[in-house]
N, C-alpha and C. Protein backbone atom coordinates (compact mmCIF):
# COMPACT_ATOMS: atom_id res chain seq x y z
N MET A 1 -78.68 87.34 101.34
CA MET A 1 -78.99 88.52 100.37
C MET A 1 -78.02 89.61 100.14
N LEU A 2 -77.49 89.88 98.87
CA LEU A 2 -76.52 90.81 98.57
C LEU A 2 -77.12 92.21 98.28
N LEU A 3 -76.76 93.27 99.25
CA LEU A 3 -77.39 94.52 98.73
C LEU A 3 -76.11 95.32 98.45
N ASP A 4 -76.27 96.19 97.62
CA ASP A 4 -75.20 97.49 97.26
C ASP A 4 -75.51 98.65 96.83
N LYS A 5 -75.54 99.40 97.95
CA LYS A 5 -75.59 100.70 98.32
C LYS A 5 -77.57 100.95 98.38
N PRO A 6 -77.99 100.03 99.27
CA PRO A 6 -79.71 99.84 99.26
C PRO A 6 -80.64 101.07 99.28
N SER A 7 -79.31 102.09 100.13
CA SER A 7 -80.68 103.08 100.80
C SER A 7 -80.28 104.36 99.86
N ASN A 8 -79.42 104.45 98.81
CA ASN A 8 -79.42 105.53 97.88
C ASN A 8 -80.71 105.55 97.07
N HIS A 9 -81.18 106.83 97.23
CA HIS A 9 -82.16 107.45 96.34
C HIS A 9 -83.31 107.14 97.15
N LEU A 10 -83.49 106.83 98.03
CA LEU A 10 -84.83 106.02 98.75
C LEU A 10 -85.38 107.91 99.39
N ASP A 11 -87.01 107.84 99.64
CA ASP A 11 -87.38 108.67 100.24
C ASP A 11 -87.59 107.76 101.58
N LEU A 12 -87.80 109.13 102.61
CA LEU A 12 -88.07 108.45 103.84
C LEU A 12 -88.89 107.39 104.29
N PRO A 13 -89.98 107.48 103.58
CA PRO A 13 -91.02 106.67 103.80
C PRO A 13 -90.44 105.00 103.59
N SER A 14 -90.02 104.74 102.02
CA SER A 14 -89.15 104.01 101.38
C SER A 14 -88.13 103.53 102.32
N LEU A 15 -87.30 104.05 102.64
CA LEU A 15 -86.30 103.82 103.86
C LEU A 15 -86.71 103.22 104.87
N ALA A 16 -87.55 103.62 105.58
CA ALA A 16 -88.34 102.84 106.87
C ALA A 16 -88.76 101.72 106.40
N ALA A 17 -89.42 101.37 105.39
CA ALA A 17 -90.02 100.35 104.93
C ALA A 17 -88.90 99.17 104.69
N LEU A 18 -87.44 99.47 104.02
CA LEU A 18 -86.51 98.82 103.98
C LEU A 18 -86.00 98.25 105.26
N GLU A 19 -85.52 99.31 105.90
CA GLU A 19 -85.15 99.13 107.17
C GLU A 19 -85.69 97.88 107.92
N ALA A 20 -87.15 98.09 107.79
CA ALA A 20 -88.14 97.03 108.68
C ALA A 20 -88.06 95.80 107.84
N MET A 21 -87.83 95.70 106.89
CA MET A 21 -87.83 94.15 105.99
C MET A 21 -86.80 93.85 106.31
N LEU A 22 -85.30 94.60 106.53
CA LEU A 22 -84.02 93.85 106.52
C LEU A 22 -84.27 93.35 107.93
N ARG A 23 -84.58 94.44 108.97
CA ARG A 23 -84.31 93.96 110.39
C ARG A 23 -85.13 92.26 110.58
N GLN A 24 -86.43 92.11 110.14
CA GLN A 24 -87.23 91.00 109.70
C GLN A 24 -86.59 89.70 109.44
N TYR A 25 -85.55 89.92 108.55
CA TYR A 25 -84.77 88.90 107.74
C TYR A 25 -84.27 88.32 108.02
N ARG A 26 -84.40 86.90 108.16
CA ARG A 26 -83.52 86.01 109.32
C ARG A 26 -82.32 85.28 108.77
N GLY A 27 -82.10 85.85 107.29
CA GLY A 27 -80.93 85.01 106.57
C GLY A 27 -79.85 85.74 106.75
N THR A 28 -78.93 85.63 105.85
CA THR A 28 -77.28 86.30 106.02
C THR A 28 -77.66 87.46 104.95
N LEU A 29 -77.06 88.67 105.46
CA LEU A 29 -76.84 89.67 104.83
C LEU A 29 -75.62 90.25 104.44
N LEU A 30 -75.14 90.53 103.12
CA LEU A 30 -74.10 90.90 102.82
C LEU A 30 -74.41 92.57 102.30
N VAL A 31 -74.06 93.74 102.85
CA VAL A 31 -74.17 94.76 102.48
C VAL A 31 -73.69 95.76 102.63
N ALA A 32 -73.17 96.62 101.26
CA ALA A 32 -72.23 97.50 100.55
C ALA A 32 -72.50 98.45 100.92
N SER A 33 -72.43 99.66 102.11
CA SER A 33 -73.36 100.85 101.91
C SER A 33 -72.08 101.92 102.85
N HIS A 34 -72.59 103.06 102.41
CA HIS A 34 -71.72 103.90 103.44
C HIS A 34 -72.59 104.79 104.59
N ASP A 35 -74.25 104.40 104.47
CA ASP A 35 -74.99 105.01 104.97
C ASP A 35 -74.72 104.42 106.88
N GLN A 36 -74.29 104.98 107.64
CA GLN A 36 -73.57 104.58 108.75
C GLN A 36 -75.23 104.36 109.48
N VAL A 37 -75.97 104.92 109.53
CA VAL A 37 -77.51 105.10 110.29
C VAL A 37 -77.95 103.93 109.89
N LEU A 38 -78.16 103.97 108.39
CA LEU A 38 -78.89 102.43 107.93
C LEU A 38 -78.20 101.00 109.00
N LEU A 39 -76.95 101.16 108.62
CA LEU A 39 -75.92 100.03 109.14
C LEU A 39 -76.22 99.78 110.87
N ARG A 40 -76.53 100.78 111.84
CA ARG A 40 -76.83 101.03 112.85
C ARG A 40 -78.25 100.14 113.15
N GLN A 41 -79.13 100.59 112.26
CA GLN A 41 -80.21 100.43 112.50
C GLN A 41 -80.45 98.91 112.42
N LEU A 42 -79.45 98.04 111.35
CA LEU A 42 -80.04 96.51 111.02
C LEU A 42 -79.41 96.11 112.01
N ALA A 43 -78.88 96.35 113.23
CA ALA A 43 -78.18 95.65 114.25
C ALA A 43 -77.57 94.62 113.88
N LEU A 44 -76.56 94.62 113.13
CA LEU A 44 -75.89 93.35 112.75
C LEU A 44 -74.94 92.72 113.71
N ASP A 45 -74.94 91.54 113.48
CA ASP A 45 -74.40 90.55 114.78
C ASP A 45 -72.45 90.88 114.50
N GLY A 46 -72.28 91.27 113.07
CA GLY A 46 -70.98 91.45 112.79
C GLY A 46 -70.79 92.28 111.63
N TYR A 47 -69.40 93.08 111.32
CA TYR A 47 -69.66 93.60 109.99
C TYR A 47 -68.06 93.88 110.05
N LEU A 48 -67.57 94.02 108.93
CA LEU A 48 -66.25 94.35 107.99
C LEU A 48 -66.53 95.87 107.74
N GLN A 49 -65.49 96.71 107.98
CA GLN A 49 -65.38 97.97 107.76
C GLN A 49 -63.83 98.29 107.19
N LEU A 50 -63.97 99.18 105.97
CA LEU A 50 -62.85 99.25 105.24
C LEU A 50 -62.60 100.39 105.71
N GLY A 51 -61.05 100.89 106.07
CA GLY A 51 -60.79 102.24 106.39
C GLY A 51 -59.76 102.57 105.31
N GLU A 52 -58.87 103.51 105.61
CA GLU A 52 -58.38 104.48 104.76
C GLU A 52 -57.22 103.51 103.82
N GLY A 53 -56.92 103.72 102.86
CA GLY A 53 -56.26 102.68 102.14
C GLY A 53 -56.72 101.22 101.77
N SER A 54 -55.71 100.50 102.89
CA SER A 54 -56.37 98.72 102.72
C SER A 54 -56.56 98.10 103.67
N GLU A 55 -57.02 99.28 105.00
CA GLU A 55 -57.11 98.84 106.50
C GLU A 55 -58.33 98.32 106.24
N LEU A 56 -58.61 97.23 107.08
CA LEU A 56 -59.75 96.12 107.21
C LEU A 56 -60.19 96.09 108.91
N HIS A 57 -61.14 96.35 109.47
CA HIS A 57 -61.41 96.11 110.33
C HIS A 57 -62.62 95.11 110.84
N VAL A 58 -62.34 94.60 111.58
CA VAL A 58 -63.52 93.32 111.76
C VAL A 58 -64.45 93.90 113.24
N CYS A 59 -65.49 93.95 113.27
CA CYS A 59 -66.33 94.41 114.44
C CYS A 59 -67.44 93.54 114.55
N GLY A 60 -67.94 93.16 115.98
CA GLY A 60 -68.62 92.62 116.32
C GLY A 60 -68.45 90.63 116.39
């Protein structure tokens, strides 16, 4: 599943529903987001983080 800024413009109940659905999803997720809280809540196995300039950090 490809998600681009999925938490933008969501109210709290909608955000909670999104997080619950994504935590239950068993497929591969590709999420582009600045929302660090959402990314932590998803408990991803690994992720790529873009740093300043062209830095790329592989985590997990």
